[in-house]
Amino acid sequence: MHDVVVIGGGFGGLAAAAQARLAGLDVVLMEAHTKLGGCAGYFERGDLTFDAGATALMGLGRGEPIGDLIHSLGLEFDAVATPAYRVCMPDRTLEIVPDRSTFEKRIAHCFPGREFSKRIFWRIQDYVGSRLFATANQGPRFPLRRPSDLLHNLRILGLAGLPAASTWVSTVDDVLRILGLASDRPFRTLIAMLLQDTAQAGPERVPFAVAATCLHAYRAGMSRPRGGMKALAEGIGSRFESLGGRLLKATLVDRVERVGDSFLVHTRRGGRFAARRVVFNLPIDLAAKLLDTPLEGRLARRERSTRAAWSAFTAYASVDARSIDPAGPLFHQVLVDYDQPIHDGNNVLVSLSPPGDAGYGPADVRVITMSTHVRPEEWSDLDPTLHATKKQDYGDRLLLALERALPDARKAIRHVEFATPRSFRRYTRRTLGAVGGPPVGRGNSVFLAAGSDALGPGTRLVGDSVFPGQGTMAVVLSGRRAVELIREELERIVDDPIGDGSDPHASSNDQVNIVSEIASERA
């Protein structure tokens, strides 16, 4: 019997599997595809490699989630920091840089009027975001399950962090109104653009504490992985195997069966894997389906609060490298029209591969990924003709945004293809192709976030459905926390073989059997 089976080789599952193996547990990682990375994975077209979803990384330093994972695994991994994050609006362009003085001067120049209030907004954001970001790296425990969780959170927050955490009760719009900035359309639109890509929602919904942490990502600086997400995902997977973990690609799980306090994981090809604990790197609805657990009552409410509301329309292109300034930003975010919503082709993220990065393609090309939020339900029932027409229309919108960000790039395109929500549904198997996690609000974040134990004893959820939420760094944190809890559970079983431990669902005989198996397998 294995200690842990992890289902799903996205970054939450990779982090959980790797850290469980580092902790000495017997681990099997199952991924339905032939490639790792999940929604933040990659695909290849000839000599080109494209990041399918996430393209930006942060948290790579020592003492930060991804950096600590890489270091603990002994991986050699490099990332290229962008010199700036460029925001292109219809009538102005802002370059976000880490230096506070330079950033404030650029804000004042690009968004004249009420400069003092805007400076106060960004300084509050910096205070809150930097403290909560540092706290996140120390593994906060939400939702609270026991007094020790609260004590742990208070300890890592410290006195300076308490005022920062208290801003969770206010939305971003609340803060903008207090500062007299809510009616400043360009300034509020800037905030809305950045939050749409990180929190999946706008200033009217996102708690300020969450928003400040999201905005910290832009101000601290983002990186593009050298060699792409392929290098990171496959690197973690290979190291996991070299440490003795079992990695099964192209392995589709059909069913997870509870057997007493353990589980049998059934695969499409007839495999059966016994496990003491199962980790699902899946949304709640897909994990519940594998467990044959009905979505009703509290679980149904939790699933609705964690459900992704958006999918993406994405373009993948390669262009002649000479058409792009090699010293320019790796990320451009483009708003086409103030009068249109902050999605559906009007707000587009343009990500560039680092110059000369052979992991993406030949030295004479730059690889570009463009994406915009779209409503998945609007693509689900289209007939082939309407789908093709809509796809062409959205493709034109993204190419228009590319021309706004990089005027010479469109004429230098060598290859381009587009992906719709149907592509993400087919690749990720997520309902309607909805990806990226839920729109963040007070009702589903921090204190009220979904816990990894939502599906009951012996199981853990990781990924963008549970705390701390979406983004590569966040799902890595969720994997780390899941492993901490699993280790505590298994250690309690060993320490308390007579059945008086914290698992009320385990009988004395079941626990004695598990202890005997652990002892025999590790002897």
Protein backbone atom coordinates (compact mmCIF):
# COMPACT_ATOMS: atom_id res chain seq x y z
CA MET A 1 0.00 0.00 0.00
CA HIS A 2 1.28 3.47 -0.93
CA ASP A 3 1.29 6.32 1.55
CA VAL A 4 -0.04 8.85 -0.99
CA VAL A 5 -1.47 8.81 -4.49
CA VAL A 6 -1.56 12.24 -6.13
CA ILE A 7 -4.03 12.65 -9.00
CA GLY A 8 -3.12 15.43 -11.42
CA GLY A 9 0.31 16.61 -12.51
CA GLY A 10 -0.35 20.35 -12.44
CA PHE A 11 1.90 22.44 -10.23
CA GLY A 12 -0.18 21.80 -7.11
CA GLY A 13 0.09 18.05 -7.65
CA LEU A 14 3.78 18.25 -8.57
CA ALA A 15 4.54 20.24 -5.42
CA ALA A 16 2.55 17.84 -3.23
CA ALA A 17 4.14 14.73 -4.74
CA ALA A 18 7.68 16.10 -4.58
CA GLN A 19 7.39 17.34 -1.02
CA ALA A 20 5.72 14.14 0.16
CA ARG A 21 8.59 12.16 -1.33
CA LEU A 22 11.14 14.47 0.31
CA ALA A 23 9.36 13.70 3.59
CA GLY A 24 10.03 10.00 3.05
CA LEU A 25 6.54 8.97 2.00
CA ASP A 26 5.83 6.35 -0.67
CA VAL A 27 4.18 8.41 -3.43
CA VAL A 28 2.58 7.76 -6.81
CA LEU A 29 1.79 10.73 -9.07
CA MET A 30 -0.72 10.15 -11.87
CA GLU A 31 -1.20 12.51 -14.81
CA ALA A 32 -3.73 11.94 -17.59
CA HIS A 33 -1.58 13.62 -20.22
CA THR A 34 1.85 12.78 -21.57
CA LYS A 35 3.13 16.16 -20.36
CA LEU A 36 3.20 17.74 -16.90
CA GLY A 37 2.05 21.17 -15.80
CA GLY A 38 -1.74 20.95 -16.04
CA CYS A 39 -3.37 24.31 -16.76
CA ALA A 40 0.11 25.85 -16.58
CA GLY A 41 1.60 23.25 -18.88
CA TYR A 42 2.99 23.42 -22.39
CA PHE A 43 2.71 22.01 -25.90
CA GLU A 44 5.00 21.73 -28.90
CA ARG A 45 4.69 22.61 -32.56
CA GLY A 46 7.70 21.42 -34.48
CA ASP A 47 10.71 23.30 -33.11
CA LEU A 48 8.50 25.66 -31.06
CA THR A 49 7.36 25.19 -27.46
CA PHE A 50 4.47 27.24 -26.07
CA ASP A 51 3.40 27.78 -22.46
CA ALA A 52 -0.27 26.78 -22.65
CA GLY A 53 -1.52 28.87 -19.73
CA ALA A 54 0.49 30.65 -17.06
CA THR A 55 3.53 32.45 -18.41
CA ALA A 56 4.71 34.58 -15.47
CA LEU A 57 6.40 33.43 -12.27
CA MET A 58 7.15 34.98 -8.90
CA GLY A 59 8.15 33.53 -5.55
CA LEU A 60 11.39 32.14 -6.98
CA GLY A 61 13.78 33.44 -4.30
CA ARG A 62 15.07 31.56 -1.28
CA GLY A 63 12.48 31.71 1.45
CA GLU A 64 9.73 31.87 -1.19
CA PRO A 65 7.43 28.96 -2.19
CA ILE A 66 8.68 28.01 -5.66
CA GLY A 67 12.27 28.92 -4.84
CA ASP A 68 12.24 26.76 -1.71
CA LEU A 69 10.73 23.83 -3.62
CA ILE A 70 13.36 24.08 -6.36
CA HIS A 71 16.16 24.36 -3.80
CA SER A 72 14.91 21.44 -1.71
CA LEU A 73 14.83 19.26 -4.82
CA GLY A 74 18.33 20.29 -5.85
CA LEU A 75 17.11 21.50 -9.24
CA GLU A 76 19.08 23.80 -11.46
CA PHE A 77 16.49 26.26 -12.74
CA ASP A 78 16.77 29.78 -14.06
CA ALA A 79 14.24 32.50 -14.79
CA VAL A 80 14.53 35.76 -16.67
CA ALA A 81 13.14 38.83 -14.91
CA THR A 82 11.27 41.32 -17.02
CA PRO A 83 12.77 44.85 -16.92
CA ALA A 84 9.24 46.23 -16.56
CA TYR A 85 5.59 45.26 -16.83
CA ARG A 86 4.06 47.45 -19.53
CA VAL A 87 0.38 48.43 -19.41
CA CYS A 88 -0.95 49.87 -22.68
CA MET A 89 -4.22 51.77 -22.31
CA PRO A 90 -6.08 53.59 -25.10
CA ASP A 91 -4.56 56.97 -24.27
CA ARG A 92 -1.49 56.24 -22.13
CA THR A 93 1.21 53.67 -21.36
CA LEU A 94 2.60 52.80 -17.94
CA GLU A 95 5.69 50.73 -17.19
CA ILE A 96 5.54 49.14 -13.73
CA VAL A 97 8.99 48.73 -12.18
CA PRO A 98 10.12 47.52 -8.73
CA ASP A 99 11.75 50.81 -7.70
CA ARG A 100 9.16 52.69 -5.63
CA SER A 101 10.34 56.21 -6.41
CA THR A 102 10.41 55.57 -10.16
CA PHE A 103 7.04 53.85 -10.04
CA GLU A 104 5.38 56.72 -8.18
CA LYS A 105 6.79 59.25 -10.65
CA ARG A 106 5.43 57.25 -13.55
CA ILE A 107 2.00 56.97 -11.92
CA ALA A 108 1.93 60.73 -11.38
CA HIS A 109 2.91 61.36 -15.00
CA CYS A 110 0.47 58.84 -16.53
CA PHE A 111 -2.46 59.58 -14.21
CA PRO A 112 -2.36 63.30 -13.37
CA GLY A 113 -4.69 64.74 -10.74
CA ARG A 114 -5.07 63.84 -7.06
CA GLU A 115 -1.43 62.74 -7.03
CA PHE A 116 -1.27 62.71 -3.24
CA SER A 117 -4.23 60.33 -2.96
CA LYS A 118 -2.74 58.04 -5.58
CA ARG A 119 0.58 57.98 -3.82
CA ILE A 120 -1.23 57.09 -0.57
CA PHE A 121 -3.13 54.29 -2.35
CA TRP A 122 0.08 52.70 -3.64
CA ARG A 123 1.87 53.09 -0.33
CA ILE A 124 -0.99 51.40 1.52
CA GLN A 125 -0.95 48.70 -1.15
CA ASP A 126 2.81 48.28 -0.72
CA TYR A 127 2.53 48.06 3.08
CA VAL A 128 -0.30 45.52 2.98
CA GLY A 129 0.90 43.54 -0.02
CA SER A 130 4.52 43.16 1.05
CA ARG A 131 3.60 42.01 4.57
CA LEU A 132 0.96 39.55 3.45
CA PHE A 133 3.22 38.25 0.70
CA ALA A 134 5.95 37.58 3.27
CA THR A 135 3.38 35.90 5.51
CA ALA A 136 2.17 33.72 2.63
CA ASN A 137 5.69 32.35 2.23
CA GLN A 138 5.52 31.11 5.84
CA GLY A 139 2.44 28.99 5.24
CA PRO A 140 -0.64 30.61 6.79
CA ARG A 141 -3.37 28.16 7.79
CA PHE A 142 -6.82 28.89 6.41
CA PRO A 143 -9.59 28.13 6.93
CA LEU A 144 -9.07 27.88 10.69
CA ARG A 145 -9.67 24.37 11.99
CA ARG A 146 -8.21 24.54 15.52
CA PRO A 147 -6.77 27.06 17.97
CA SER A 148 -3.21 26.21 16.94
CA ASP A 149 -4.00 27.46 13.40
CA LEU A 150 -4.96 30.86 14.77
CA LEU A 151 -1.86 31.00 16.96
CA HIS A 152 0.35 30.05 14.01
CA ASN A 153 -1.17 32.78 11.84
CA LEU A 154 -0.79 35.41 14.55
CA ARG A 155 2.83 34.42 15.06
CA ILE A 156 3.80 34.71 11.39
CA LEU A 157 1.77 37.90 10.93
CA GLY A 158 3.33 39.70 13.86
CA LEU A 159 2.07 43.02 15.18
CA ALA A 160 3.00 44.83 11.95
CA GLY A 161 0.95 42.39 9.92
CA LEU A 162 -2.32 42.69 11.85
CA PRO A 163 -3.36 46.05 10.31
CA ALA A 164 -2.52 44.63 6.88
CA ALA A 165 -4.69 41.55 7.43
CA SER A 166 -7.58 43.68 8.72
CA THR A 167 -8.02 45.27 5.26
CA TRP A 168 -9.67 42.00 4.17
CA VAL A 169 -13.00 43.43 5.36
CA SER A 170 -12.88 46.23 2.74
CA THR A 171 -13.02 45.96 -1.03
CA VAL A 172 -10.66 47.84 -3.32
CA ASP A 173 -13.54 50.16 -4.27
CA ASP A 174 -14.04 50.96 -0.58
CA VAL A 175 -10.44 52.19 -0.37
CA LEU A 176 -10.71 54.10 -3.65
CA ARG A 177 -13.82 55.89 -2.37
CA ILE A 178 -12.14 56.86 0.91
CA LEU A 179 -9.24 58.36 -1.07
CA GLY A 180 -11.54 60.11 -3.54
CA LEU A 181 -10.30 58.01 -6.47
CA ALA A 182 -13.36 55.95 -7.33
CA SER A 183 -14.46 58.37 -10.04
CA ASP A 184 -11.02 58.54 -11.67
CA ARG A 185 -11.86 56.26 -14.57
CA PRO A 186 -8.37 55.64 -16.03
CA PHE A 187 -6.84 54.99 -12.61
CA ARG A 188 -9.60 52.61 -11.51
CA THR A 189 -9.41 50.88 -14.90
CA LEU A 190 -5.70 50.25 -14.38
CA ILE A 191 -6.46 48.51 -11.08
CA ALA A 192 -9.31 46.55 -12.69
CA MET A 193 -7.07 45.31 -15.51
CA LEU A 194 -4.43 44.02 -13.12
CA LEU A 195 -6.94 42.37 -10.77
CA GLN A 196 -8.79 40.65 -13.61
CA ASP A 197 -5.63 38.74 -14.47
CA THR A 198 -4.72 37.82 -10.88
CA ALA A 199 -7.94 37.67 -8.82
CA GLN A 200 -10.42 36.96 -11.66
CA ALA A 201 -12.61 39.84 -10.46
CA GLY A 202 -12.75 43.62 -10.26
CA PRO A 203 -12.27 46.31 -7.58
CA GLU A 204 -15.92 46.14 -6.58
CA ARG A 205 -15.49 42.54 -5.34
CA VAL A 206 -11.88 41.79 -4.38
CA PRO A 207 -10.94 42.35 -0.70
CA PHE A 208 -8.21 44.94 -0.40
CA ALA A 209 -5.87 42.55 1.44
CA VAL A 210 -6.08 40.06 -1.43
CA ALA A 211 -5.80 42.79 -4.07
CA ALA A 212 -2.75 44.31 -2.39
CA THR A 213 -1.02 40.93 -2.45
CA CYS A 214 -1.94 40.44 -6.12
CA LEU A 215 -0.68 43.91 -7.05
CA HIS A 216 2.53 43.19 -5.16
CA ALA A 217 3.35 40.64 -7.88
CA TYR A 218 3.52 43.38 -10.49
CA ARG A 219 5.52 45.74 -8.33
CA ALA A 220 8.00 43.13 -7.07
CA GLY A 221 8.74 42.01 -10.61
CA MET A 222 7.75 38.98 -12.66
CA SER A 223 9.89 36.45 -14.47
CA ARG A 224 9.56 34.15 -17.43
CA PRO A 225 11.00 30.66 -16.85
CA ARG A 226 14.09 29.96 -18.94
CA GLY A 227 13.15 26.98 -21.05
CA GLY A 228 9.47 27.66 -20.42
CA MET A 229 7.04 26.01 -18.06
CA LYS A 230 8.22 22.75 -19.67
CA ALA A 231 11.61 23.13 -17.99
CA LEU A 232 10.03 23.74 -14.58
CA ALA A 233 7.27 21.11 -14.71
CA GLU A 234 9.32 18.32 -16.26
CA GLY A 235 12.28 19.21 -14.06
CA ILE A 236 10.21 18.72 -10.91
CA GLY A 237 8.74 15.52 -12.32
CA SER A 238 12.15 14.07 -13.22
CA ARG A 239 13.58 14.94 -9.82
CA PHE A 240 10.57 13.36 -8.12
CA GLU A 241 11.30 10.13 -9.97
CA SER A 242 15.01 10.23 -9.17
CA LEU A 243 14.09 10.49 -5.48
CA GLY A 244 12.14 7.25 -5.74
CA GLY A 245 8.67 8.60 -6.51
CA ARG A 246 6.57 6.78 -9.10
CA LEU A 247 5.37 9.00 -11.96
CA LEU A 248 2.67 7.64 -14.26
CA LYS A 249 1.92 9.81 -17.28
CA ALA A 250 -0.91 9.07 -19.73
CA THR A 251 -2.76 7.52 -16.80
CA LEU A 252 -6.42 8.46 -16.52
CA VAL A 253 -8.10 7.80 -13.18
CA ASP A 254 -11.65 6.50 -13.46
CA ARG A 255 -12.63 6.04 -9.84
CA VAL A 256 -11.38 6.42 -6.27
CA GLU A 257 -12.94 3.93 -3.88
CA ARG A 258 -12.94 4.24 -0.10
CA VAL A 259 -12.00 0.97 1.59
CA GLY A 260 -12.21 1.48 5.34
CA ASP A 261 -9.74 4.25 6.10
CA SER A 262 -7.78 3.70 2.91
CA PHE A 263 -8.46 4.00 -0.81
CA LEU A 264 -8.26 2.10 -4.06
CA VAL A 265 -7.47 4.25 -7.08
CA HIS A 266 -8.76 2.68 -10.30
CA THR A 267 -7.24 3.70 -13.65
CA ARG A 268 -8.74 3.51 -17.14
CA ARG A 269 -6.32 0.72 -18.08
CA GLY A 270 -7.38 -1.50 -15.20
CA GLY A 271 -4.70 -0.55 -12.67
CA ARG A 272 -5.53 -0.52 -8.97
CA PHE A 273 -3.42 1.37 -6.44
CA ALA A 274 -4.00 1.11 -2.70
CA ALA A 275 -3.26 4.30 -0.79
CA ARG A 276 -3.59 5.61 2.74
CA ARG A 277 -4.18 9.14 1.49
CA VAL A 278 -5.26 10.62 -1.84
CA VAL A 279 -4.43 14.13 -3.06
CA PHE A 280 -6.59 15.59 -5.83
CA ASN A 281 -5.07 18.33 -7.98
CA LEU A 282 -8.51 18.89 -9.44
CA PRO A 283 -11.51 21.19 -8.98
CA ILE A 284 -13.99 20.00 -6.37
CA ASP A 285 -16.60 18.83 -8.88
CA LEU A 286 -14.18 16.54 -10.74
CA ALA A 287 -12.67 15.16 -7.53
CA ALA A 288 -16.13 14.50 -6.07
CA LYS A 289 -17.10 12.64 -9.24
CA LEU A 290 -14.10 10.32 -8.91
CA LEU A 291 -15.07 9.64 -5.29
CA ASP A 292 -18.72 9.13 -6.28
CA THR A 293 -19.58 11.81 -3.71
CA PRO A 294 -22.77 13.75 -4.48
CA LEU A 295 -22.51 17.52 -4.69
CA GLU A 296 -25.17 18.48 -2.18
CA GLY A 297 -25.56 20.48 0.98
CA ARG A 298 -22.39 22.08 2.33
CA LEU A 299 -20.19 20.48 -0.34
CA ALA A 300 -22.38 21.90 -3.11
CA ARG A 301 -22.13 25.37 -1.60
CA ARG A 302 -18.38 25.01 -1.31
CA GLU A 303 -18.09 23.84 -4.91
CA ARG A 304 -20.08 26.84 -6.16
CA SER A 305 -17.84 29.25 -4.23
CA THR A 306 -14.69 27.71 -5.73
CA ARG A 307 -15.93 27.31 -9.28
CA ALA A 308 -13.93 29.05 -12.00
CA ALA A 309 -16.11 31.58 -13.80
CA TRP A 310 -13.77 32.30 -16.70
CA SER A 311 -12.00 30.51 -19.47
CA ALA A 312 -9.49 31.96 -21.91
CA PHE A 313 -9.18 32.68 -25.58
CA THR A 314 -5.50 32.34 -26.36
CA ALA A 315 -3.17 32.97 -29.28
CA TYR A 316 0.18 31.26 -29.71
CA ALA A 317 2.55 32.86 -32.18
CA SER A 318 6.16 33.02 -33.22
CA VAL A 319 7.63 36.14 -34.79
CA ASP A 320 10.92 37.22 -36.29
CA ALA A 321 13.07 38.21 -33.31
CA ARG A 322 14.27 41.33 -35.12
CA SER A 323 10.79 42.84 -34.83
CA ILE A 324 11.02 43.10 -31.02
CA ASP A 325 13.38 45.13 -28.86
CA PRO A 326 15.51 42.54 -27.00
CA ALA A 327 15.77 44.88 -23.99
CA GLY A 328 12.03 45.51 -23.79
CA PRO A 329 9.48 44.12 -21.30
CA LEU A 330 8.52 40.45 -21.44
CA PHE A 331 4.91 41.26 -20.47
CA HIS A 332 2.49 43.76 -22.01
CA GLN A 333 -1.11 44.15 -20.89
CA VAL A 334 -3.34 45.92 -23.39
CA LEU A 335 -6.72 47.59 -22.94
CA VAL A 336 -8.28 48.39 -26.30
CA ASP A 337 -11.35 50.43 -25.28
CA TYR A 338 -12.39 52.12 -22.01
CA ASP A 339 -16.06 51.64 -22.88
CA GLN A 340 -15.92 47.86 -23.17
CA PRO A 341 -15.74 45.25 -20.36
CA ILE A 342 -12.35 44.21 -18.94
CA HIS A 343 -12.48 40.85 -20.72
CA ASP A 344 -13.61 39.21 -23.98
CA GLY A 345 -10.76 40.50 -26.10
CA ASN A 346 -10.65 44.01 -24.65
CA ASN A 347 -8.04 43.25 -21.95
CA VAL A 348 -5.21 41.15 -23.38
CA LEU A 349 -2.00 39.86 -21.80
CA VAL A 350 0.90 39.57 -24.25
CA SER A 351 3.82 37.46 -22.98
CA LEU A 352 7.15 37.12 -24.77
CA SER A 353 9.81 34.45 -24.51
CA PRO A 354 13.21 35.75 -23.37
CA PRO A 355 15.54 36.66 -26.23
CA GLY A 356 17.56 33.71 -27.49
CA ASP A 357 15.89 31.15 -25.20
CA ALA A 358 16.34 27.85 -27.02
CA GLY A 359 13.74 26.23 -24.79
CA TYR A 360 11.03 28.08 -26.70
CA GLY A 361 12.42 27.89 -30.21
CA PRO A 362 15.25 28.86 -32.60
CA ALA A 363 17.37 31.89 -31.73
CA ASP A 364 15.93 33.95 -34.58
CA VAL A 365 12.34 33.84 -33.26
CA ARG A 366 10.46 35.09 -30.20
CA VAL A 367 7.50 33.07 -29.01
CA ILE A 368 4.40 35.05 -27.99
CA THR A 369 1.39 33.97 -25.94
CA MET A 370 -1.68 36.23 -25.89
CA SER A 371 -4.74 35.61 -23.73
CA THR A 372 -7.99 37.22 -22.69
CA HIS A 373 -10.73 36.21 -20.26
CA VAL A 374 -13.92 34.88 -21.87
CA ARG A 375 -17.16 33.44 -20.52
CA PRO A 376 -16.98 29.68 -21.17
CA GLU A 377 -20.74 29.19 -21.41
CA GLU A 378 -20.86 31.49 -24.45
CA TRP A 379 -18.69 29.02 -26.38
CA SER A 380 -20.14 25.70 -25.24
CA ASP A 381 -23.15 25.18 -27.53
CA LEU A 382 -22.03 26.87 -30.74
CA ASP A 383 -22.38 24.93 -33.97
CA PRO A 384 -19.17 24.54 -36.01
CA THR A 385 -19.88 27.51 -38.28
CA LEU A 386 -20.65 29.93 -35.45
CA HIS A 387 -17.70 28.65 -33.46
CA ALA A 388 -15.34 29.23 -36.39
CA THR A 389 -16.73 32.74 -36.93
CA LYS A 390 -16.39 33.63 -33.25
CA LYS A 391 -12.88 32.20 -33.18
CA GLN A 392 -11.87 34.35 -36.17
CA ASP A 393 -13.35 37.46 -34.54
CA TYR A 394 -11.48 36.90 -31.27
CA GLY A 395 -8.30 36.08 -33.13
CA ASP A 396 -8.51 39.46 -34.84
CA ARG A 397 -9.03 41.15 -31.46
CA LEU A 398 -5.88 39.58 -30.03
CA LEU A 399 -3.82 40.49 -33.09
CA LEU A 400 -5.07 44.07 -32.76
CA ALA A 401 -3.87 44.09 -29.15
CA LEU A 402 -0.50 42.70 -30.28
CA GLU A 403 -0.17 45.53 -32.78
CA ARG A 404 -0.90 48.04 -30.01
CA ALA A 405 1.78 46.55 -27.76
CA LEU A 406 4.40 45.70 -30.37
CA PRO A 407 3.72 47.60 -33.62
CA ASP A 408 6.22 45.65 -35.75
CA ALA A 409 5.45 42.16 -34.46
CA ARG A 410 2.22 41.48 -36.32
CA LYS A 411 3.90 41.92 -39.70
CA ALA A 412 6.67 39.54 -38.60
CA ILE A 413 4.46 36.60 -37.58
CA ARG A 414 5.74 33.24 -38.79
CA HIS A 415 3.23 31.00 -37.03
CA VAL A 416 -0.03 31.65 -35.19
CA GLU A 417 -2.83 29.47 -33.83
CA PHE A 418 -5.72 30.04 -31.46
CA ALA A 419 -7.32 28.14 -28.58
CA THR A 420 -10.89 28.56 -27.34
CA PRO A 421 -12.63 27.35 -24.16
CA ARG A 422 -13.32 24.13 -26.08
CA SER A 423 -9.55 23.62 -26.33
CA PHE A 424 -9.18 24.05 -22.57
CA ARG A 425 -12.12 21.74 -21.91
CA ARG A 426 -10.53 19.03 -24.04
CA TYR A 427 -7.05 19.52 -22.57
CA THR A 428 -7.86 20.09 -18.89
CA ARG A 429 -11.17 18.17 -18.74
CA ARG A 430 -12.53 21.00 -16.61
CA THR A 431 -16.23 21.77 -16.86
CA LEU A 432 -16.86 23.99 -19.92
CA GLY A 433 -13.09 24.59 -20.07
CA ALA A 434 -13.31 27.04 -17.14
CA VAL A 435 -9.82 27.65 -15.74
CA GLY A 436 -7.95 30.02 -13.46
CA GLY A 437 -9.83 29.64 -10.20
CA PRO A 438 -12.89 31.47 -8.87
CA PRO A 439 -13.42 35.23 -8.86
CA VAL A 440 -12.09 36.26 -5.46
CA GLY A 441 -14.39 37.87 -2.90
CA ARG A 442 -14.77 37.95 0.84
CA GLY A 443 -17.06 34.92 0.73
CA ASN A 444 -14.43 32.58 -0.70
CA SER A 445 -11.04 33.88 0.43
CA VAL A 446 -8.80 33.74 3.51
CA PHE A 447 -11.06 32.95 6.51
CA LEU A 448 -13.84 31.67 4.26
CA ALA A 449 -11.67 29.91 1.67
CA ALA A 450 -12.19 26.26 0.87
CA GLY A 451 -9.96 23.95 2.87
CA SER A 452 -8.04 21.03 1.47
CA ASP A 453 -10.23 18.68 3.54
CA ALA A 454 -13.49 19.60 1.77
CA LEU A 455 -14.00 16.03 0.49
CA GLY A 456 -13.67 14.32 3.83
CA PRO A 457 -11.22 12.17 5.81
CA GLY A 458 -8.17 10.82 4.06
CA THR A 459 -8.39 13.16 1.08
CA ARG A 460 -6.73 16.46 0.29
CA LEU A 461 -7.44 19.00 -2.42
CA VAL A 462 -4.69 21.15 -3.90
CA GLY A 463 -4.72 23.70 -6.70
CA ASP A 464 -6.70 26.81 -7.51
CA SER A 465 -9.94 25.68 -5.82
CA VAL A 466 -8.57 25.86 -2.27
CA PHE A 467 -6.61 28.30 -0.15
CA PRO A 468 -4.49 30.24 -1.01
CA GLY A 469 -6.00 30.27 -4.52
CA GLN A 470 -4.85 30.75 -8.09
CA GLY A 471 -1.42 31.30 -9.54
CA THR A 472 1.60 29.00 -9.69
CA MET A 473 2.99 30.21 -6.37
CA ALA A 474 -0.36 29.77 -4.62
CA VAL A 475 -0.95 26.22 -5.83
CA VAL A 476 2.59 25.25 -4.81
CA LEU A 477 1.75 26.55 -1.32
CA SER A 478 -1.44 24.48 -1.30
CA GLY A 479 0.58 21.38 -2.13
CA ARG A 480 3.03 22.08 0.68
CA ARG A 481 0.26 22.54 3.23
CA ALA A 482 -1.52 19.36 2.13
CA VAL A 483 1.65 17.34 2.73
CA GLU A 484 2.13 18.90 6.18
CA LEU A 485 -1.38 17.79 7.14
CA ILE A 486 -0.94 14.30 5.70
CA ARG A 487 2.29 13.81 7.65
CA GLU A 488 0.56 14.90 10.86
CA GLU A 489 -2.27 12.43 10.23
CA LEU A 490 0.00 9.47 9.52
CA GLU A 491 2.20 10.26 12.50
CA ARG A 492 -0.85 10.37 14.78
CA ILE A 493 -1.87 6.94 13.53
CA VAL A 494 1.57 5.54 14.35
CA ASP A 495 1.63 7.24 17.77
CA ASP A 496 -1.91 6.18 18.68
CA PRO A 497 -2.45 2.60 17.48
CA ILE A 498 -5.31 1.87 19.92
CA GLY A 499 -7.82 4.03 18.11
CA ASP A 500 -7.99 7.05 20.42
CA GLY A 501 -6.52 9.49 17.88
CA SER A 502 -8.04 12.32 15.97
CA ASP A 503 -9.54 10.21 13.18
CA PRO A 504 -12.98 9.21 14.53
CA HIS A 505 -13.68 7.20 11.37
CA ALA A 506 -10.86 4.71 12.01
CA SER A 507 -11.37 1.56 14.05
CA SER A 508 -8.69 0.16 16.35
CA ASN A 509 -8.05 -2.81 14.07
CA ASP A 510 -7.80 -0.57 10.99
CA GLN A 511 -5.24 1.63 12.71
CA VAL A 512 -3.22 -1.36 13.97
CA ASN A 513 -3.15 -2.74 10.42
CA ILE A 514 -1.94 0.58 8.99
CA VAL A 515 0.77 0.85 11.64
CA SER A 516 1.91 -2.70 10.86
CA GLU A 517 2.04 -1.93 7.15
CA ILE A 518 4.05 1.25 7.73
CA ALA A 519 6.48 -0.64 9.94
CA SER A 520 6.92 -3.52 7.49
CA GLU A 521 7.30 -1.31 4.41
CA ARG A 522 9.89 0.95 6.06
CA ALA A 523 11.85 -1.82 7.80
